[in-house]
Amino acid sequence: MHAAIPHIFVTHIKLSNLNVLRGYVFDRTGVFKYLVKCLCNVVGLFSVYAFDEAWNVSKIIYYGLLALNHRGQAGSGMYICGGESRILEGGGDVERAYNVEKLIEVEGWYGAGWVSTPVVENRNVVYRHHNDTEYLVVSYAPIVDMEERIMECIERGFKDVDEGAELLNSLSEKVRRPLTLIAVSNNSEMLIYRDPSGLKPLQIGAYGFDLAVASSESCAIECVGADFRADVDAGSCVKVCKYCVERSKTRRMGCYCALEYIYYSRLDSTIDGVQIYRFRRELARKVAERYQLKDYDIVVGIPETGTIYALEYSRVTGLEYYIGFVQTGRRVRSALVEDILERMIGVQLKMSPIRPVLSGKNVLLIDDSMLKGVTLRSIVQYLRNRVGTCRTSVLIMSPPIVRRCPFYMEVPEESELICANVPKSELAEVLNVDEIHFAEIDDLYETFKLFNIDEDRVCTYCMGGRSPW
């Protein structure tokens, strides 16, 4: 295993800004496939297509990935086309992975990018030559083990967008994977596809008549100055080329992943017509109506996704809200970090406690979700032993997560999930808190109904509920 992931590399042409080469043969296909194997599970997609070859989209894709970095911080990549096709790969945080000054030298007027999490066994990117055409396909779900079938569907989609959508729908349903993807060819074409489940988000936007943009979340579209236009419908394709933007007629009734709305999506995003900010406020209201916890001096949100929940809970219950933690350095999403030491460091960086606020107080901590419980236990122990809080309890704004997601959402194995292995009656003792409370699945369903979404379309499988797909 190599000691570090290279900052940037460009296949076909040159290698630049590399940290480590040690003993590896970098050839036309070997470099890319080796690194994709070492990197992981794609959780964020972004692409740009300029209708004028005078554009250079490499920095636009960089800023789009920067806006999606909350979805995955283990790795990222770009495929830039126009003239010579180039692949760039970065490890870790997007901002540190690429030399922005050098990106301007990577010329191309269309391309795609992705961010990923550290799940080594899942390979979600295919790069290959097929029938004299160069393709890169990046998907939320693993596709390396079905390259031939994927390429057949993609080629058909570039020729006939309706037939391509039907073939991809059939394949996705057959293998039971959410094959939402973006495909780019060096023939100046791009194919954007969202699978029939609709569990993985994908949206399109535009910058006037100059650029077409596709992204996992609307926040990235808006961050690069483009206008959000629409969600890609479940079971449909969008083909983009120099002369047209063509949508397939195929449509399916998609599902809604509860964790996308509770945790993964950024607060300023809108997905399938649901404003994430409003959804989390409404969910907090439902949970506040269920739990009127009055025996506390203050309520504090665990940064940063717990903050909006804590604010709304405070407003509904009248319990005073305080900022209890300060972030140091870049944002680290500790739930997405595999290594325990790195996770603990990430927790300390993003949650340095404000002692005058917390010391000697009865504190109600609010967080969005809990997987392994390691982060939460570390926070509570630190507050009790080093800050000097008194009564310290936790309110989680999701139901207990007890099963791994079969649809490639970032949920650990059941053997690692604390709620799957510790009885609810013993959780408080294990986590060293006075009380712990969770939202109920009914709270989620009631919140979705406020957005005219029936509960039979909401996937709560990881929470012990049902999956509509």
Protein backbone atom coordinates (compact mmCIF):
# COMPACT_ATOMS: atom_id res chain seq x y z
CA MET A 1 0.00 0.00 0.00
CA HIS A 2 1.36 3.43 -0.90
CA ALA A 3 2.16 5.93 1.80
CA ALA A 4 0.09 8.75 0.35
CA ILE A 5 -2.32 9.46 -2.49
CA PRO A 6 -0.90 11.71 -5.24
CA HIS A 7 -2.30 15.23 -5.29
CA ILE A 8 -2.89 15.42 -9.04
CA PHE A 9 -2.14 13.25 -12.00
CA VAL A 10 -2.96 13.56 -15.65
CA THR A 11 -3.14 10.37 -17.70
CA HIS A 12 -2.05 10.14 -21.32
CA ILE A 13 0.03 13.31 -21.18
CA LYS A 14 2.11 13.85 -18.07
CA LEU A 15 2.34 13.34 -14.34
CA SER A 16 2.40 16.50 -12.25
CA ASN A 17 2.38 17.46 -8.57
CA LEU A 18 2.84 13.89 -7.42
CA ASN A 19 3.85 13.17 -3.84
CA VAL A 20 4.69 9.49 -4.23
CA LEU A 21 5.50 7.23 -7.18
CA ARG A 22 7.28 4.41 -5.34
CA GLY A 23 7.44 1.30 -7.43
CA TYR A 24 4.19 1.60 -9.36
CA VAL A 25 3.90 1.31 -13.11
CA PHE A 26 1.78 4.21 -14.37
CA ASP A 27 0.42 3.29 -17.78
CA ARG A 28 -2.60 4.40 -19.76
CA THR A 29 -5.11 2.39 -17.75
CA GLY A 30 -3.16 1.08 -14.76
CA VAL A 31 -2.73 4.38 -12.93
CA PHE A 32 -6.37 5.21 -12.89
CA LYS A 33 -7.73 1.77 -12.09
CA TYR A 34 -5.20 1.29 -9.29
CA LEU A 35 -6.17 4.52 -7.56
CA VAL A 36 -9.90 4.01 -8.06
CA LYS A 37 -9.52 0.62 -6.43
CA CYS A 38 -7.72 2.20 -3.46
CA LEU A 39 -10.25 5.00 -3.23
CA CYS A 40 -13.77 4.06 -2.80
CA ASN A 41 -17.45 4.67 -2.74
CA VAL A 42 -18.65 7.64 -4.78
CA VAL A 43 -21.17 9.78 -2.92
CA GLY A 44 -21.23 13.05 -4.85
CA LEU A 45 -21.40 13.77 -8.60
CA PHE A 46 -20.84 17.00 -10.51
CA SER A 47 -20.46 17.76 -14.22
CA VAL A 48 -20.30 20.75 -16.54
CA TYR A 49 -20.89 20.95 -20.30
CA ALA A 50 -20.05 24.20 -22.12
CA PHE A 51 -21.67 24.78 -25.49
CA ASP A 52 -18.70 26.88 -26.59
CA GLU A 53 -15.22 25.38 -26.80
CA ALA A 54 -13.70 28.64 -25.58
CA TRP A 55 -14.72 27.72 -22.01
CA ASN A 56 -12.37 26.03 -19.55
CA VAL A 57 -14.43 24.08 -17.01
CA SER A 58 -11.72 22.52 -14.80
CA LYS A 59 -11.94 25.19 -12.09
CA ILE A 60 -15.75 25.21 -12.27
CA ILE A 61 -15.76 21.47 -11.57
CA TYR A 62 -13.30 22.03 -8.72
CA TYR A 63 -15.61 24.55 -7.06
CA GLY A 64 -18.59 22.26 -7.61
CA LEU A 65 -16.75 19.44 -5.85
CA LEU A 66 -15.76 21.83 -3.07
CA ALA A 67 -19.48 22.49 -2.49
CA LEU A 68 -20.09 18.73 -2.33
CA ASN A 69 -17.15 17.93 -0.05
CA HIS A 70 -19.51 17.37 2.90
CA ARG A 71 -20.69 14.19 1.14
CA GLY A 72 -17.25 12.55 1.00
CA GLN A 73 -13.77 13.54 2.12
CA ALA A 74 -11.61 10.51 1.34
CA GLY A 75 -11.01 11.12 -2.35
CA SER A 76 -12.13 12.95 -5.46
CA GLY A 77 -11.56 12.93 -9.18
CA MET A 78 -12.18 14.82 -12.41
CA TYR A 79 -12.37 13.84 -16.07
CA ILE A 80 -11.78 16.87 -18.29
CA CYS A 81 -12.50 16.67 -22.03
CA GLY A 82 -11.92 18.94 -25.00
CA GLY A 83 -8.80 18.50 -27.05
CA GLU A 84 -6.91 15.94 -24.99
CA SER A 85 -8.87 14.02 -22.35
CA ARG A 86 -7.41 14.12 -18.86
CA ILE A 87 -8.12 12.42 -15.55
CA LEU A 88 -7.16 14.06 -12.29
CA GLU A 89 -7.37 12.32 -8.94
CA GLY A 90 -7.01 13.77 -5.45
CA GLY A 91 -6.97 12.21 -2.01
CA GLY A 92 -8.67 13.72 1.02
CA ASP A 93 -10.31 17.11 1.33
CA VAL A 94 -10.99 18.69 -2.09
CA GLU A 95 -9.46 22.04 -1.15
CA ARG A 96 -6.15 20.39 -0.27
CA ALA A 97 -6.20 17.76 -3.01
CA TYR A 98 -5.79 20.08 -5.99
CA ASN A 99 -3.48 22.95 -6.84
CA VAL A 100 -6.03 25.54 -7.98
CA GLU A 101 -3.40 27.61 -9.79
CA LYS A 102 -2.40 24.63 -11.92
CA LEU A 103 -5.98 23.64 -12.70
CA ILE A 104 -6.21 26.49 -15.19
CA GLU A 105 -3.59 24.62 -17.24
CA VAL A 106 -5.91 21.62 -17.53
CA GLU A 107 -7.95 22.80 -20.48
CA GLY A 108 -11.30 21.36 -21.46
CA TRP A 109 -14.82 22.59 -22.13
CA TYR A 110 -16.76 19.71 -20.59
CA GLY A 111 -16.19 17.08 -17.94
CA ALA A 112 -17.32 15.39 -14.74
CA GLY A 113 -16.11 15.08 -11.16
CA TRP A 114 -16.84 13.10 -8.02
CA VAL A 115 -16.16 12.90 -4.29
CA SER A 116 -15.90 9.64 -2.39
CA THR A 117 -15.74 7.97 1.01
CA PRO A 118 -13.29 5.29 2.20
CA VAL A 119 -15.02 2.02 1.29
CA VAL A 120 -12.17 0.18 -0.42
CA GLU A 121 -14.12 -2.76 -1.84
CA ASN A 122 -16.58 -0.67 -3.83
CA ARG A 123 -15.43 0.61 -7.22
CA ASN A 124 -17.74 3.10 -8.81
CA VAL A 125 -15.76 4.51 -11.73
CA VAL A 126 -15.17 2.94 -15.14
CA TYR A 127 -12.70 4.42 -17.60
CA ARG A 128 -12.13 2.60 -20.87
CA HIS A 129 -11.92 2.69 -24.65
CA HIS A 130 -14.85 1.04 -26.35
CA ASN A 131 -15.50 0.93 -30.10
CA ASP A 132 -12.88 3.66 -30.74
CA THR A 133 -14.42 5.99 -28.19
CA GLU A 134 -13.08 6.95 -24.78
CA TYR A 135 -15.61 6.84 -21.93
CA LEU A 136 -15.65 7.66 -18.26
CA VAL A 137 -18.67 6.54 -16.23
CA VAL A 138 -19.04 7.44 -12.54
CA SER A 139 -21.89 6.06 -10.44
CA TYR A 140 -23.08 6.07 -6.83
CA ALA A 141 -23.04 2.23 -6.87
CA PRO A 142 -20.24 -0.18 -7.90
CA ILE A 143 -20.12 -0.73 -11.66
CA VAL A 144 -16.65 -2.18 -12.30
CA ASP A 145 -18.02 -5.74 -12.07
CA MET A 146 -20.53 -5.03 -14.87
CA GLU A 147 -18.46 -2.93 -17.25
CA GLU A 148 -19.67 -4.58 -20.44
CA ARG A 149 -23.35 -4.23 -19.60
CA ILE A 150 -22.88 -0.63 -18.46
CA MET A 151 -21.05 0.28 -21.65
CA GLU A 152 -23.78 -1.28 -23.80
CA CYS A 153 -26.39 0.81 -21.99
CA ILE A 154 -24.32 3.98 -22.22
CA GLU A 155 -23.61 3.60 -25.92
CA ARG A 156 -27.27 2.97 -26.58
CA GLY A 157 -28.17 6.02 -24.49
CA PHE A 158 -25.92 8.27 -26.54
CA LYS A 159 -27.65 7.05 -29.71
CA ASP A 160 -31.21 6.97 -28.35
CA VAL A 161 -31.85 8.49 -24.94
CA ASP A 162 -35.16 6.62 -24.44
CA GLU A 163 -33.66 3.22 -25.21
CA GLY A 164 -30.68 3.98 -23.00
CA ALA A 165 -32.95 4.85 -20.09
CA GLU A 166 -34.93 1.63 -20.50
CA LEU A 167 -31.78 -0.50 -20.60
CA LEU A 168 -30.29 1.20 -17.55
CA ASN A 169 -33.60 0.86 -15.68
CA SER A 170 -33.71 -2.86 -16.41
CA LEU A 171 -30.09 -3.32 -15.32
CA SER A 172 -30.54 -1.30 -12.12
CA GLU A 173 -33.63 -3.27 -11.13
CA LYS A 174 -32.01 -6.59 -11.99
CA VAL A 175 -28.87 -6.03 -9.90
CA ARG A 176 -30.76 -4.07 -7.21
CA ARG A 177 -28.29 -1.19 -7.23
CA PRO A 178 -29.04 2.54 -7.51
CA LEU A 179 -27.04 3.06 -10.72
CA THR A 180 -27.47 6.83 -10.82
CA LEU A 181 -24.53 7.98 -12.94
CA ILE A 182 -22.88 10.52 -15.22
CA ALA A 183 -21.19 9.27 -18.39
CA VAL A 184 -18.81 11.35 -20.52
CA SER A 185 -17.35 10.45 -23.92
CA ASN A 186 -14.61 12.14 -25.92
CA ASN A 187 -17.15 12.56 -28.72
CA SER A 188 -18.41 15.74 -27.03
CA GLU A 189 -21.34 13.98 -25.34
CA MET A 190 -22.57 13.59 -21.78
CA LEU A 191 -25.28 11.30 -20.38
CA ILE A 192 -26.93 11.98 -17.02
CA TYR A 193 -29.02 9.15 -15.57
CA ARG A 194 -31.01 8.67 -12.36
CA ASP A 195 -32.04 5.12 -11.53
CA PRO A 196 -35.66 3.97 -10.92
CA SER A 197 -35.35 3.99 -7.13
CA GLY A 198 -34.69 7.72 -7.01
CA LEU A 199 -32.86 7.14 -3.72
CA LYS A 200 -29.74 8.95 -4.92
CA PRO A 201 -30.18 12.64 -5.78
CA LEU A 202 -29.23 14.13 -9.14
CA GLN A 203 -30.15 17.57 -10.42
CA ILE A 204 -29.55 19.77 -13.43
CA GLY A 205 -28.95 23.47 -13.83
CA ALA A 206 -27.69 25.99 -16.36
CA TYR A 207 -25.59 29.09 -16.67
CA GLY A 208 -27.61 31.06 -19.17
CA PHE A 209 -27.29 29.40 -22.56
CA ASP A 210 -23.58 28.76 -22.07
CA LEU A 211 -23.30 25.87 -19.59
CA ALA A 212 -25.30 22.81 -18.60
CA VAL A 213 -24.58 21.61 -15.06
CA ALA A 214 -25.48 18.37 -13.25
CA SER A 215 -24.96 17.82 -9.54
CA SER A 216 -25.93 15.65 -6.60
CA GLU A 217 -27.25 18.74 -4.83
CA SER A 218 -28.55 22.13 -5.85
CA CYS A 219 -26.09 23.86 -3.50
CA ALA A 220 -23.19 23.01 -5.84
CA ILE A 221 -25.08 24.27 -8.89
CA GLU A 222 -25.71 27.60 -7.18
CA CYS A 223 -22.18 27.81 -5.76
CA VAL A 224 -20.71 27.97 -9.28
CA GLY A 225 -23.14 30.72 -10.26
CA ALA A 226 -25.56 28.57 -12.26
CA ASP A 227 -29.34 28.40 -11.86
CA PHE A 228 -31.02 25.26 -10.57
CA ARG A 229 -33.54 24.02 -13.15
CA ALA A 230 -34.92 20.62 -12.12
CA ASP A 231 -34.34 17.27 -10.47
CA VAL A 232 -33.58 14.46 -12.88
CA ASP A 233 -36.67 12.25 -12.73
CA ALA A 234 -36.26 8.73 -11.38
CA GLY A 235 -35.74 6.26 -14.22
CA SER A 236 -34.82 8.91 -16.78
CA CYS A 237 -31.84 10.09 -18.82
CA VAL A 238 -30.67 13.50 -19.97
CA LYS A 239 -28.32 13.63 -22.96
CA VAL A 240 -26.21 16.73 -23.55
CA CYS A 241 -24.27 17.43 -26.75
CA LYS A 242 -23.21 20.51 -28.70
CA TYR A 243 -26.55 20.95 -30.39
CA CYS A 244 -29.18 19.88 -27.89
CA VAL A 245 -30.24 18.83 -24.42
CA GLU A 246 -32.54 15.83 -24.77
CA ARG A 247 -34.58 14.14 -22.02
CA SER A 248 -35.98 10.64 -22.16
CA LYS A 249 -39.72 10.12 -21.92
CA THR A 250 -39.24 7.33 -19.41
CA ARG A 251 -40.28 8.22 -15.84
CA ARG A 252 -40.64 6.24 -12.62
CA MET A 253 -42.15 6.98 -9.21
CA GLY A 254 -39.01 7.40 -7.12
CA CYS A 255 -38.37 6.92 -3.40
CA TYR A 256 -36.93 9.21 -0.73
CA CYS A 257 -33.94 8.24 1.41
CA ALA A 258 -34.62 9.50 4.95
CA LEU A 259 -30.91 9.93 5.75
CA GLU A 260 -30.43 12.29 2.79
CA TYR A 261 -32.87 14.71 4.38
CA ILE A 262 -31.85 14.19 8.00
CA TYR A 263 -28.08 14.30 7.56
CA TYR A 264 -26.26 13.97 4.25
CA SER A 265 -27.57 16.87 2.18
CA ARG A 266 -26.32 20.38 2.78
CA LEU A 267 -28.61 22.80 4.56
CA ASP A 268 -28.94 25.15 1.57
CA SER A 269 -29.93 22.38 -0.88
CA THR A 270 -33.33 21.51 -2.30
CA ILE A 271 -33.85 17.87 -3.31
CA ASP A 272 -36.93 16.60 -5.14
CA GLY A 273 -38.74 19.79 -4.24
CA VAL A 274 -37.95 19.54 -0.53
CA GLN A 275 -35.94 22.37 1.03
CA ILE A 276 -33.48 20.69 3.40
CA TYR A 277 -33.49 23.65 5.80
CA ARG A 278 -37.27 23.63 6.10
CA PHE A 279 -37.40 19.83 6.39
CA ARG A 280 -35.02 19.82 9.36
CA ARG A 281 -36.89 22.61 11.09
CA GLU A 282 -40.16 20.73 10.69
CA LEU A 283 -38.61 17.49 11.94
CA ALA A 284 -37.23 19.30 14.99
CA ARG A 285 -40.72 20.66 15.69
CA LYS A 286 -42.19 17.15 15.58
CA VAL A 287 -39.54 15.79 17.93
CA ALA A 288 -39.93 18.78 20.27
CA GLU A 289 -43.65 18.07 20.54
CA ARG A 290 -42.82 14.48 21.51
CA TYR A 291 -40.05 15.30 24.02
CA GLN A 292 -40.63 18.34 26.24
CA LEU A 293 -37.38 18.02 28.19
CA LYS A 294 -37.39 20.79 30.78
CA ASP A 295 -34.78 19.68 33.35
CA TYR A 296 -31.91 21.41 31.55
CA ASP A 297 -30.33 24.84 31.64
CA ILE A 298 -29.37 25.04 27.99
CA VAL A 299 -29.69 23.20 24.67
CA VAL A 300 -26.62 22.89 22.43
CA GLY A 301 -26.40 21.54 18.87
CA ILE A 302 -23.48 19.27 17.98
CA PRO A 303 -21.84 21.02 15.01
CA GLU A 304 -22.72 21.44 12.48
CA THR A 305 -25.74 19.49 11.33
CA GLY A 306 -27.15 19.41 14.85
CA THR A 307 -27.29 23.20 15.07
CA ILE A 308 -30.48 23.80 13.10
CA TYR A 309 -32.27 21.08 15.08
CA ALA A 310 -31.17 22.62 18.39
CA LEU A 311 -32.27 26.10 17.32
CA GLU A 312 -35.75 24.93 16.40
CA TYR A 313 -36.08 22.72 19.48
CA SER A 314 -35.18 25.75 21.60
CA ARG A 315 -37.78 27.89 19.85
CA VAL A 316 -40.56 25.35 20.37
CA THR A 317 -39.80 24.37 23.96
CA GLY A 318 -38.47 27.65 25.31
CA LEU A 319 -35.26 25.97 26.49
CA GLU A 320 -32.44 28.46 26.00
CA TYR A 321 -30.11 27.79 23.06
CA TYR A 322 -26.37 28.44 23.28
CA ILE A 323 -23.45 27.96 20.92
CA GLY A 324 -21.38 25.42 22.80
CA PHE A 325 -18.54 24.58 20.41
CA VAL A 326 -16.12 26.36 18.09
CA GLN A 327 -14.65 24.80 14.94
CA THR A 328 -10.91 24.80 14.26
CA GLY A 329 -9.59 24.58 10.72
CA ARG A 330 -11.40 22.95 7.83
CA ARG A 331 -14.66 21.18 8.34
CA VAL A 332 -14.24 17.47 9.11
CA ARG A 333 -17.30 15.25 8.88
CA SER A 334 -16.27 12.74 11.52
CA ALA A 335 -19.09 10.28 10.75
CA LEU A 336 -17.46 9.66 7.35
CA VAL A 337 -13.99 8.94 8.80
CA GLU A 338 -13.08 5.26 9.17
CA ASP A 339 -9.91 5.53 11.24
CA ILE A 340 -10.71 5.91 14.96
CA LEU A 341 -7.72 8.19 15.68
CA GLU A 342 -8.55 10.47 12.75
CA ARG A 343 -12.16 10.51 13.87
CA MET A 344 -11.19 11.62 17.37
CA ILE A 345 -8.91 14.33 16.00
CA GLY A 346 -11.74 15.43 13.72
CA VAL A 347 -14.09 15.63 16.69
CA GLN A 348 -11.66 17.80 18.65
CA LEU A 349 -11.10 20.10 15.69
CA LYS A 350 -14.76 20.72 14.99
CA MET A 351 -15.93 20.75 18.60
CA SER A 352 -13.70 22.77 20.85
CA PRO A 353 -16.01 23.50 23.82
CA ILE A 354 -16.78 27.01 25.08
CA ARG A 355 -16.21 26.50 28.80
CA PRO A 356 -18.14 29.51 30.16
CA VAL A 357 -21.21 28.26 28.32
CA LEU A 358 -21.02 24.61 29.39
CA SER A 359 -19.24 24.46 32.74
CA GLY A 360 -21.55 23.69 35.69
CA LYS A 361 -24.63 23.49 33.45
CA ASN A 362 -27.29 20.86 32.83
CA VAL A 363 -26.85 20.42 29.09
CA LEU A 364 -29.11 18.86 26.47
CA LEU A 365 -27.03 17.96 23.40
CA ILE A 366 -28.83 17.58 20.08
CA ASP A 367 -27.44 15.70 17.09
CA ASP A 368 -28.87 14.53 13.79
CA SER A 369 -28.01 10.82 13.96
CA MET A 370 -25.82 8.23 15.67
CA LEU A 371 -24.01 5.32 14.04
CA LYS A 372 -21.19 3.83 16.13
CA GLY A 373 -21.57 6.14 19.12
CA VAL A 374 -17.80 6.70 19.35
CA THR A 375 -17.99 10.41 18.55
CA LEU A 376 -20.85 11.07 20.94
CA ARG A 377 -19.26 9.18 23.83
CA SER A 378 -16.01 11.10 23.31
CA ILE A 379 -17.85 14.43 23.42
CA VAL A 380 -19.79 13.56 26.57
CA GLN A 381 -16.72 12.30 28.42
CA TYR A 382 -14.81 15.43 27.51
CA LEU A 383 -17.64 17.66 28.73
CA ARG A 384 -18.03 15.80 32.00
CA ASN A 385 -14.37 15.25 32.86
CA ARG A 386 -12.64 18.32 31.48
CA VAL A 387 -15.30 21.00 31.10
CA GLY A 388 -17.38 20.15 34.16
CA THR A 389 -20.93 19.85 32.90
CA CYS A 390 -23.50 18.50 35.34
CA ARG A 391 -26.52 16.70 33.94
CA THR A 392 -25.68 15.82 30.33
CA SER A 393 -28.21 14.19 28.01
CA VAL A 394 -28.68 13.64 24.29
CA LEU A 395 -31.56 13.97 21.86
CA ILE A 396 -31.04 12.34 18.43
CA MET A 397 -33.14 13.65 15.55
CA SER A 398 -33.32 10.32 13.75
CA PRO A 399 -34.65 6.93 14.84
CA PRO A 400 -32.00 4.40 15.97
CA ILE A 401 -29.98 3.17 12.99
CA VAL A 402 -29.87 -0.61 13.27
CA ARG A 403 -29.19 -1.97 9.77
CA ARG A 404 -26.67 -1.38 7.03
CA CYS A 405 -28.10 0.28 3.93
CA PRO A 406 -28.37 -2.17 0.98
CA PHE A 407 -28.43 0.78 -1.45
CA TYR A 408 -24.89 2.09 -0.80
CA MET A 409 -25.67 4.87 1.64
CA GLU A 410 -22.72 5.28 4.02
CA VAL A 411 -23.97 3.18 6.94
CA PRO A 412 -21.51 0.75 8.62
CA GLU A 413 -21.98 -2.97 9.09
CA GLU A 414 -24.59 -3.97 11.69
CA SER A 415 -21.84 -5.32 13.94
CA GLU A 416 -20.52 -1.72 14.23
CA LEU A 417 -23.86 0.03 14.81
CA ILE A 418 -24.31 0.73 18.50
CA CYS A 419 -28.11 0.70 18.37
CA ALA A 420 -28.05 -2.72 16.72
CA ASN A 421 -25.93 -4.22 19.49
CA VAL A 422 -26.85 -2.40 22.70
CA PRO A 423 -30.41 -2.52 24.12
CA LYS A 424 -32.07 0.87 24.18
CA SER A 425 -32.38 0.65 27.97
CA GLU A 426 -28.58 0.37 28.29
CA LEU A 427 -27.52 3.02 25.78
CA ALA A 428 -27.38 5.86 28.31
CA GLU A 429 -25.01 3.92 30.54
CA VAL A 430 -22.77 2.89 27.63
CA LEU A 431 -22.58 6.46 26.32
CA ASN A 432 -22.14 7.92 29.83
CA VAL A 433 -25.18 10.23 29.48
CA ASP A 434 -28.05 10.80 31.89
CA GLU A 435 -30.71 10.27 29.22
CA ILE A 436 -30.86 9.55 25.52
CA HIS A 437 -33.91 10.00 23.32
CA PHE A 438 -34.50 9.34 19.62
CA ALA A 439 -36.97 10.59 17.05
CA GLU A 440 -39.57 8.01 16.08
CA ILE A 441 -40.12 6.80 12.53
CA ASP A 442 -43.62 8.30 12.74
CA ASP A 443 -42.01 11.71 13.30
CA LEU A 444 -40.20 11.26 9.99
CA TYR A 445 -43.30 10.14 8.13
CA GLU A 446 -45.30 13.06 9.50
CA THR A 447 -42.59 15.47 8.41
CA PHE A 448 -42.53 14.06 4.88
CA LYS A 449 -46.32 14.41 4.69
CA LEU A 450 -45.90 18.15 5.17
CA PHE A 451 -44.18 18.07 1.77
CA ASN A 452 -46.93 15.92 0.20
CA ILE A 453 -44.78 12.77 0.29
CA ASP A 454 -46.56 9.59 1.38
CA GLU A 455 -44.81 7.36 3.88
CA ASP A 456 -44.87 4.39 1.49
CA ARG A 457 -42.34 6.28 -0.67
CA VAL A 458 -39.87 6.95 2.17
CA CYS A 459 -37.00 4.50 2.73
CA THR A 460 -36.29 3.93 6.43
CA TYR A 461 -34.74 0.48 6.05
CA CYS A 462 -31.56 1.35 8.01
CA MET A 463 -33.79 2.52 10.87
CA GLY A 464 -35.62 -0.77 11.08
CA GLY A 465 -38.39 0.42 8.80
CA ARG A 466 -39.24 -0.53 5.26
CA SER A 467 -37.79 0.14 1.83
CA PRO A 468 -40.16 0.99 -1.04
CA TRP A 469 -37.60 -0.31 -3.58
